PDB file of N, CA and C in Angstrom:
ATOM      1  N   MET A   1      88.333  92.272 112.068  1.00  0.00           N
ATOM      2  CA  MET A   1      89.550  92.938 111.669  1.00  0.00           C
ATOM      3  C   MET A   1      89.845  92.571 110.221  1.00  0.00           C
ATOM      4  N   ILE A   2      90.130  93.575 109.411  1.00  0.00           N
ATOM      5  CA  ILE A   2      90.467  93.344 108.012  1.00  0.00           C
ATOM      6  C   ILE A   2      91.870  93.865 107.741  1.00  0.00           C
ATOM      7  N   ILE A   3      92.512  93.267 106.774  1.00  0.00           N
ATOM      8  CA  ILE A   3      93.827  93.715 106.324  1.00  0.00           C
ATOM      9  C   ILE A   3      93.709  94.000 104.833  1.00  0.00           C
ATOM     10  N   VAL A   4      94.144  95.194 104.419  1.00  0.00           N
ATOM     11  CA  VAL A   4      93.985  95.647 103.046  1.00  0.00           C
ATOM     12  C   VAL A   4      95.335  96.095 102.513  1.00  0.00           C
ATOM     13  N   ARG A   5      95.604  95.804 101.224  1.00  0.00           N
ATOM     14  CA  ARG A   5      96.862  96.224 100.607  1.00  0.00           C
ATOM     15  C   ARG A   5      96.575  97.125  99.408  1.00  0.00           C
ATOM     16  N   CYS A   6      97.313  98.209  99.306  1.00  0.00           N
ATOM     17  CA  CYS A   6      97.211  99.128  98.172  1.00  0.00           C
ATOM     18  C   CYS A   6      98.170  98.649  97.082  1.00  0.00           C
ATOM     19  N   LYS A   7      97.695  98.508  95.834  1.00  0.00           N
ATOM     20  CA  LYS A   7      98.550  98.044  94.743  1.00  0.00           C
ATOM     21  C   LYS A   7      99.570  99.101  94.326  1.00  0.00           C
ATOM     22  N   ASP A   8      99.261 100.379  94.548  1.00  0.00           N
ATOM     23  CA  ASP A   8     100.168 101.446  94.124  1.00  0.00           C
ATOM     24  C   ASP A   8     101.426 101.501  94.983  1.00  0.00           C
ATOM     25  N   CYS A   9     101.256 101.522  96.284  1.00  0.00           N
ATOM     26  CA  CYS A   9     102.406 101.685  97.177  1.00  0.00           C
ATOM     27  C   CYS A   9     102.754 100.410  97.945  1.00  0.00           C
ATOM     28  N   ASN A  10     101.978  99.321  97.746  1.00  0.00           N
ATOM     29  CA  ASN A  10     102.186  98.025  98.414  1.00  0.00           C
ATOM     30  C   ASN A  10     102.180  98.128  99.933  1.00  0.00           C
ATOM     31  N   ARG A  11     101.446  99.057 100.492  1.00  0.00           N
ATOM     32  CA  ARG A  11     101.359  99.201 101.939  1.00  0.00           C
ATOM     33  C   ARG A  11     100.149  98.431 102.437  1.00  0.00           C
ATOM     34  N   GLU A  12     100.341  97.627 103.472  1.00  0.00           N
ATOM     35  CA  GLU A  12      99.247  96.888 104.091  1.00  0.00           C
ATOM     36  C   GLU A  12      98.786  97.622 105.338  1.00  0.00           C
ATOM     37  N   ILE A  13      97.474  97.732 105.495  1.00  0.00           N
ATOM     38  CA  ILE A  13      96.900  98.418 106.652  1.00  0.00           C
ATOM     39  C   ILE A  13      95.908  97.482 107.319  1.00  0.00           C
ATOM     40  N   ALA A  14      96.060  97.307 108.619  1.00  0.00           N
ATOM     41  CA  ALA A  14      95.107  96.524 109.412  1.00  0.00           C
ATOM     42  C   ALA A  14      94.102  97.495 110.033  1.00  0.00           C
ATOM     43  N   SER A  15      92.846  97.091 110.076  1.00  0.00           N
ATOM     44  CA  SER A  15      91.800  97.995 110.560  1.00  0.00           C
ATOM     45  C   SER A  15      91.846  98.142 112.073  1.00  0.00           C
ATOM     46  N   THR A  16      91.581  99.353 112.518  1.00  0.00           N
ATOM     47  CA  THR A  16      91.417  99.683 113.928  1.00  0.00           C
ATOM     48  C   THR A  16      90.264 100.669 114.022  1.00  0.00           C
ATOM     49  N   ASN A  17      90.035 101.236 115.185  1.00  0.00           N
ATOM     50  CA  ASN A  17      88.997 102.252 115.329  1.00  0.00           C
ATOM     51  C   ASN A  17      89.439 103.590 114.779  1.00  0.00           C
ATOM     52  N   LYS A  18      90.761 103.766 114.600  1.00  0.00           N
ATOM     53  CA  LYS A  18      91.276 105.024 114.065  1.00  0.00           C
ATOM     54  C   LYS A  18      91.298 104.978 112.544  1.00  0.00           C
ATOM     55  N   THR A  19      91.213 106.145 111.913  1.00  0.00           N
ATOM     56  CA  THR A  19      91.300 106.238 110.468  1.00  0.00           C
ATOM     57  C   THR A  19      92.768 106.164 110.052  1.00  0.00           C
ATOM     58  N   GLN A  20      93.053 105.282 109.084  1.00  0.00           N
ATOM     59  CA  GLN A  20      94.414 105.121 108.595  1.00  0.00           C
ATOM     60  C   GLN A  20      94.399 105.242 107.076  1.00  0.00           C
ATOM     61  N   THR A  21      95.392 105.942 106.511  1.00  0.00           N
ATOM     62  CA  THR A  21      95.504 106.067 105.068  1.00  0.00           C
ATOM     63  C   THR A  21      96.892 105.630 104.629  1.00  0.00           C
ATOM     64  N   CYS A  22      97.012 105.239 103.350  1.00  0.00           N
ATOM     65  CA  CYS A  22      98.303 104.773 102.854  1.00  0.00           C
ATOM     66  C   CYS A  22      99.176 105.938 102.408  1.00  0.00           C
ATOM     67  N   GLY A  23      98.599 107.060 102.022  1.00  0.00           N
ATOM     68  CA  GLY A  23      99.379 108.237 101.683  1.00  0.00           C
ATOM     69  C   GLY A  23      99.751 108.364 100.221  1.00  0.00           C
ATOM     70  N   CYS A  24      99.473 107.373  99.397  1.00  0.00           N
ATOM     71  CA  CYS A  24      99.795 107.478  97.975  1.00  0.00           C
ATOM     72  C   CYS A  24      98.663 108.231  97.257  1.00  0.00           C
ATOM     73  N   PRO A  25      98.795 108.511  95.964  1.00  0.00           N
ATOM     74  CA  PRO A  25      97.727 109.246  95.255  1.00  0.00           C
ATOM     75  C   PRO A  25      96.367 108.536  95.239  1.00  0.00           C
ATOM     76  N   ASN A  26      96.345 107.235  95.464  1.00  0.00           N
ATOM     77  CA  ASN A  26      95.070 106.519  95.504  1.00  0.00           C
ATOM     78  C   ASN A  26      94.294 106.811  96.788  1.00  0.00           C
ATOM     79  N   MET A  27      94.979 107.220  97.853  1.00  0.00           N
ATOM     80  CA  MET A  27      94.381 107.594  99.142  1.00  0.00           C
ATOM     81  C   MET A  27      93.445 106.510  99.693  1.00  0.00           C
ATOM     82  N   MET A  28      93.982 105.295  99.839  1.00  0.00           N
ATOM     83  CA  MET A  28      93.216 104.226 100.452  1.00  0.00           C
ATOM     84  C   MET A  28      93.049 104.543 101.938  1.00  0.00           C
ATOM     85  N   THR A  29      91.817 104.493 102.429  1.00  0.00           N
ATOM     86  CA  THR A  29      91.512 104.818 103.816  1.00  0.00           C
ATOM     87  C   THR A  29      90.789 103.638 104.457  1.00  0.00           C
ATOM     88  N   VAL A  30      91.228 103.254 105.654  1.00  0.00           N
ATOM     89  CA  VAL A  30      90.623 102.142 106.376  1.00  0.00           C
ATOM     90  C   VAL A  30      90.207 102.647 107.749  1.00  0.00           C
ATOM     91  N   LYS A  31      88.928 102.428 108.082  1.00  0.00           N
ATOM     92  CA  LYS A  31      88.437 102.762 109.418  1.00  0.00           C
ATOM     93  C   LYS A  31      87.415 101.716 109.826  1.00  0.00           C
ATOM     94  N   GLY A  32      87.681 101.052 110.935  1.00  0.00           N
ATOM     95  CA  GLY A  32      86.776 100.002 111.391  1.00  0.00           C
ATOM     96  C   GLY A  32      86.725  98.872 110.386  1.00  0.00           C
ATOM     97  N   ASP A  33      85.530  98.587 109.860  1.00  0.00           N
ATOM     98  CA  ASP A  33      85.413  97.546 108.848  1.00  0.00           C
ATOM     99  C   ASP A  33      85.107  98.118 107.470  1.00  0.00           C
ATOM    100  N   GLY A  34      85.401  99.416 107.262  1.00  0.00           N
ATOM    101  CA  GLY A  34      85.158 100.058 105.977  1.00  0.00           C
ATOM    102  C   GLY A  34      86.441 100.431 105.271  1.00  0.00           C
ATOM    103  N   VAL A  35      86.410 100.316 103.941  1.00  0.00           N
ATOM    104  CA  VAL A  35      87.568 100.655 103.117  1.00  0.00           C
ATOM    105  C   VAL A  35      87.098 101.585 102.010  1.00  0.00           C
ATOM    106  N   THR A  36      87.815 102.694 101.831  1.00  0.00           N
ATOM    107  CA  THR A  36      87.531 103.593 100.723  1.00  0.00           C
ATOM    108  C   THR A  36      88.826 103.922 100.011  1.00  0.00           C
ATOM    109  N   ALA A  37      88.718 104.298  98.752  1.00  0.00           N
ATOM    110  CA  ALA A  37      89.875 104.715  97.959  1.00  0.00           C
ATOM    111  C   ALA A  37      89.346 105.442  96.736  1.00  0.00           C
ATOM    112  N   LEU A  38      90.219 106.184  96.075  1.00  0.00           N
ATOM    113  CA  LEU A  38      89.803 106.852  94.850  1.00  0.00           C
ATOM    114  C   LEU A  38      89.498 105.828  93.774  1.00  0.00           C
ATOM    115  N   ASP A  39      90.300 104.759  93.690  1.00  0.00           N
ATOM    116  CA  ASP A  39      90.081 103.684  92.727  1.00  0.00           C
ATOM    117  C   ASP A  39      90.164 102.356  93.467  1.00  0.00           C
ATOM    118  N   LEU A  40      89.008 101.756  93.748  1.00  0.00           N
ATOM    119  CA  LEU A  40      88.977 100.523  94.532  1.00  0.00           C
ATOM    120  C   LEU A  40      89.513  99.323  93.753  1.00  0.00           C
ATOM    121  N   SER A  41      89.673  99.443  92.432  1.00  0.00           N
ATOM    122  CA  SER A  41      90.258  98.336  91.676  1.00  0.00           C
ATOM    123  C   SER A  41      91.746  98.193  91.975  1.00  0.00           C
ATOM    124  N   ARG A  42      92.351  99.209  92.587  1.00  0.00           N
ATOM    125  CA  ARG A  42      93.766  99.147  92.957  1.00  0.00           C
ATOM    126  C   ARG A  42      93.947  98.802  94.434  1.00  0.00           C
ATOM    127  N   VAL A  43      92.947  98.158  95.031  1.00  0.00           N
ATOM    128  CA  VAL A  43      92.985  97.766  96.443  1.00  0.00           C
ATOM    129  C   VAL A  43      92.730  96.262  96.533  1.00  0.00           C
ATOM    130  N   ILE A  44      93.509  95.562  97.351  1.00  0.00           N
ATOM    131  CA  ILE A  44      93.356  94.120  97.543  1.00  0.00           C
ATOM    132  C   ILE A  44      92.977  93.857  98.989  1.00  0.00           C
ATOM    133  N   MET A  45      91.941  93.038  99.190  1.00  0.00           N
ATOM    134  CA  MET A  45      91.571  92.594 100.529  1.00  0.00           C
ATOM    135  C   MET A  45      92.417  91.368 100.858  1.00  0.00           C
ATOM    136  N   VAL A  46      93.357  91.511 101.781  1.00  0.00           N
ATOM    137  CA  VAL A  46      94.235  90.406 102.151  1.00  0.00           C
ATOM    138  C   VAL A  46      93.518  89.471 103.114  1.00  0.00           C
ATOM    139  N   ASN A  47      92.865  90.032 104.111  1.00  0.00           N
ATOM    140  CA  ASN A  47      92.180  89.232 105.123  1.00  0.00           C
ATOM    141  C   ASN A  47      90.937  89.987 105.544  1.00  0.00           C
ATOM    142  N   SER A  48      89.824  89.295 105.626  1.00  0.00           N
ATOM    143  CA  SER A  48      88.597  89.945 106.092  1.00  0.00           C
ATOM    144  C   SER A  48      87.793  88.944 106.897  1.00  0.00           C
ATOM    145  N   THR A  49      86.971  89.462 107.790  1.00  0.00           N
ATOM    146  CA  THR A  49      86.082  88.620 108.587  1.00  0.00           C
ATOM    147  C   THR A  49      84.652  88.949 108.205  1.00  0.00           C
ATOM    148  N   GLN A  50      83.830  87.933 108.118  1.00  0.00           N
ATOM    149  CA  GLN A  50      82.436  88.133 107.778  1.00  0.00           C
ATOM    150  C   GLN A  50      81.604  88.025 109.046  1.00  0.00           C
ATOM    151  N   LYS A  51      80.716  88.963 109.207  1.00  0.00           N
ATOM    152  CA  LYS A  51      79.829  88.947 110.362  1.00  0.00           C
ATOM    153  C   LYS A  51      78.567  88.181 109.992  1.00  0.00           C
ATOM    154  N   GLU A  52      78.098  87.366 110.928  1.00  0.00           N
ATOM    155  CA  GLU A  52      76.849  86.655 110.715  1.00  0.00           C
ATOM    156  C   GLU A  52      75.693  87.590 111.016  1.00  0.00           C
ATOM    157  N   GLN A  53      74.718  87.571 110.131  1.00  0.00           N
ATOM    158  CA  GLN A  53      73.550  88.409 110.360  1.00  0.00           C
ATOM    159  C   GLN A  53      72.540  87.616 111.168  1.00  0.00           C
ATOM    160  N   LYS A  54      72.221  88.145 112.310  1.00  0.00           N
ATOM    161  CA  LYS A  54      71.232  87.502 113.168  1.00  0.00           C
ATOM    162  C   LYS A  54      69.863  88.057 112.824  1.00  0.00           C
ATOM    163  N   ASN A  55      68.886  87.176 112.774  1.00  0.00           N
ATOM    164  CA  ASN A  55      67.531  87.628 112.526  1.00  0.00           C
ATOM    165  C   ASN A  55      66.931  88.055 113.859  1.00  0.00           C
ATOM    166  N   VAL A  56      66.663  89.342 114.009  1.00  0.00           N
ATOM    167  CA  VAL A  56      66.189  89.885 115.266  1.00  0.00           C
ATOM    168  C   VAL A  56      64.708  89.592 115.468  1.00  0.00           C
ATOM    169  N   LEU A  57      63.971  89.514 114.372  1.00  0.00           N
ATOM    170  CA  LEU A  57      62.534  89.290 114.474  1.00  0.00           C
ATOM    171  C   LEU A  57      62.224  87.796 114.532  1.00  0.00           C
ATOM    172  N   SER A  58      61.232  87.445 115.309  1.00  0.00           N
ATOM    173  CA  SER A  58      60.811  86.049 115.380  1.00  0.00           C
ATOM    174  C   SER A  58      59.957  85.723 114.158  1.00  0.00           C
ATOM    175  N   SER A  59      59.626  84.462 113.996  1.00  0.00           N
ATOM    176  CA  SER A  59      58.838  84.051 112.826  1.00  0.00           C
ATOM    177  C   SER A  59      57.431  84.652 112.873  1.00  0.00           C
ATOM    178  N   SER A  60      56.863  84.816 114.070  1.00  0.00           N
ATOM    179  CA  SER A  60      55.534  85.427 114.167  1.00  0.00           C
ATOM    180  C   SER A  60      55.594  86.917 113.817  1.00  0.00           C
ATOM    181  N   ASP A  61      56.680  87.584 114.200  1.00  0.00           N
ATOM    182  CA  ASP A  61      56.852  88.992 113.825  1.00  0.00           C
ATOM    183  C   ASP A  61      56.980  89.145 112.315  1.00  0.00           C
ATOM    184  N   LEU A  62      57.729  88.247 111.679  1.00  0.00           N
ATOM    185  CA  LEU A  62      57.877  88.305 110.225  1.00  0.00           C
ATOM    186  C   LEU A  62      56.562  88.050 109.519  1.00  0.00           C
ATOM    187  N   ALA A  63      55.751  87.119 110.029  1.00  0.00           N
ATOM    188  CA  ALA A  63      54.445  86.839 109.434  1.00  0.00           C
ATOM    189  C   ALA A  63      53.526  88.048 109.580  1.00  0.00           C
ATOM    190  N   TYR A  64      53.565  88.718 110.738  1.00  0.00           N
ATOM    191  CA  TYR A  64      52.751  89.914 110.943  1.00  0.00           C
ATOM    192  C   TYR A  64      53.163  91.024 109.967  1.00  0.00           C
ATOM    193  N   GLN A  65      54.467  91.232 109.808  1.00  0.00           N
ATOM    194  CA  GLN A  65      54.940  92.275 108.898  1.00  0.00           C
ATOM    195  C   GLN A  65      54.561  91.967 107.450  1.00  0.00           C
ATOM    196  N   GLU A  66      54.617  90.696 107.059  1.00  0.00           N
ATOM    197  CA  GLU A  66      54.234  90.313 105.702  1.00  0.00           C
ATOM    198  C   GLU A  66      52.743  90.541 105.475  1.00  0.00           C
ATOM    199  N   ALA A  67      51.917  90.197 106.470  1.00  0.00           N
ATOM    200  CA  ALA A  67      50.474  90.425 106.352  1.00  0.00           C
ATOM    201  C   ALA A  67      50.180  91.921 106.311  1.00  0.00           C
ATOM    202  N   ARG A  68      50.904  92.676 107.072  1.00  0.00           N
ATOM    203  CA  ARG A  68      50.713  94.128 107.100  1.00  0.00           C
ATOM    204  C   ARG A  68      51.100  94.753 105.764  1.00  0.00           C
ATOM    205  N   ARG A  69      52.141  94.211 105.148  1.00  0.00           N
ATOM    206  CA  ARG A  69      52.609  94.752 103.867  1.00  0.00           C
ATOM    207  C   ARG A  69      51.590  94.511 102.758  1.00  0.00           C
ATOM    208  N   GLN A  70      50.806  93.442 102.879  1.00  0.00           N
ATOM    209  CA  GLN A  70      49.858  93.104 101.824  1.00  0.00           C
ATOM    210  C   GLN A  70      48.488  93.753 102.012  1.00  0.00           C
ATOM    211  N   ARG A  71      48.313  94.559 103.036  1.00  0.00           N
ATOM    212  CA  ARG A  71      47.036  95.259 103.232  1.00  0.00           C
ATOM    213  C   ARG A  71      46.813  96.264 102.120  1.00  0.00           C
ATOM    214  N   LYS A  72      45.557  96.487 101.815  1.00  0.00           N
ATOM    215  CA  LYS A  72      45.218  97.469 100.787  1.00  0.00           C
ATOM    216  C   LYS A  72      44.821  98.787 101.447  1.00  0.00           C
ATOM    217  N   VAL A  73      45.013  99.864 100.716  1.00  0.00           N
ATOM    218  CA  VAL A  73      44.699 101.190 101.220  1.00  0.00           C
ATOM    219  C   VAL A  73      43.219 101.468 100.962  1.00  0.00           C
ATOM    220  N   ARG A  74      42.522 101.904 101.994  1.00  0.00           N
ATOM    221  CA  ARG A  74      41.121 102.262 101.839  1.00  0.00           C
ATOM    222  C   ARG A  74      41.010 103.735 101.495  1.00  0.00           C
ATOM    223  N   LYS A  75      40.189 104.003 100.494  1.00  0.00           N
ATOM    224  CA  LYS A  75      39.968 105.393 100.124  1.00  0.00           C
ATOM    225  C   LYS A  75      38.653 105.842 100.743  1.00  0.00           C
ATOM    226  N   LEU A  76      38.702 106.953 101.426  1.00  0.00           N
ATOM    227  CA  LEU A  76      37.518 107.488 102.076  1.00  0.00           C
ATOM    228  C   LEU A  76      36.984 108.674 101.263  1.00  0.00           C
ATOM    229  N   ASP A  77      35.685 108.680 101.045  1.00  0.00           N
ATOM    230  CA  ASP A  77      35.059 109.807 100.342  1.00  0.00           C
ATOM    231  C   ASP A  77      34.351 110.673 101.366  1.00  0.00           C
ATOM    232  N   PHE A  78      34.623 111.965 101.327  1.00  0.00           N
ATOM    233  CA  PHE A  78      34.002 112.911 102.250  1.00  0.00           C
ATOM    234  C   PHE A  78      33.115 113.851 101.461  1.00  0.00           C
ATOM    235  N   GLU A  79      31.991 114.178 102.076  1.00  0.00           N
ATOM    236  CA  GLU A  79      31.116 115.172 101.468  1.00  0.00           C
ATOM    237  C   GLU A  79      31.565 116.561 101.859  1.00  0.00           C
ATOM    238  N   VAL A  80      31.656 117.448 100.919  1.00  0.00           N
ATOM    239  CA  VAL A  80      32.035 118.817 101.204  1.00  0.00           C
ATOM    240  C   VAL A  80      30.769 119.651 101.170  1.00  0.00           C
ATOM    241  N   ARG A  81      30.475 120.349 102.251  1.00  0.00           N
ATOM    242  CA  ARG A  81      29.263 121.177 102.305  1.00  0.00           C
ATOM    243  C   ARG A  81      29.623 122.622 102.207  1.00  0.00           C
TER     244      ARG A  81
END
């Protein structure tokens, strides 16, 4: 849950699943964990929560993907008859 304040109209909006706007010319919009506005420099984040990023891949999966990324492309030559 985040709480955002618009500097133009001083309205604070707490995030929910519904879209909420402040209604001033800056049109600050909050939905879920996203914030948009015409000018984001006129928006203050009062309270925000940070989500921890979990690594879904195991260490062996990451090693396989790294080895796969470093493979070279083989060029095949075909005879045209």
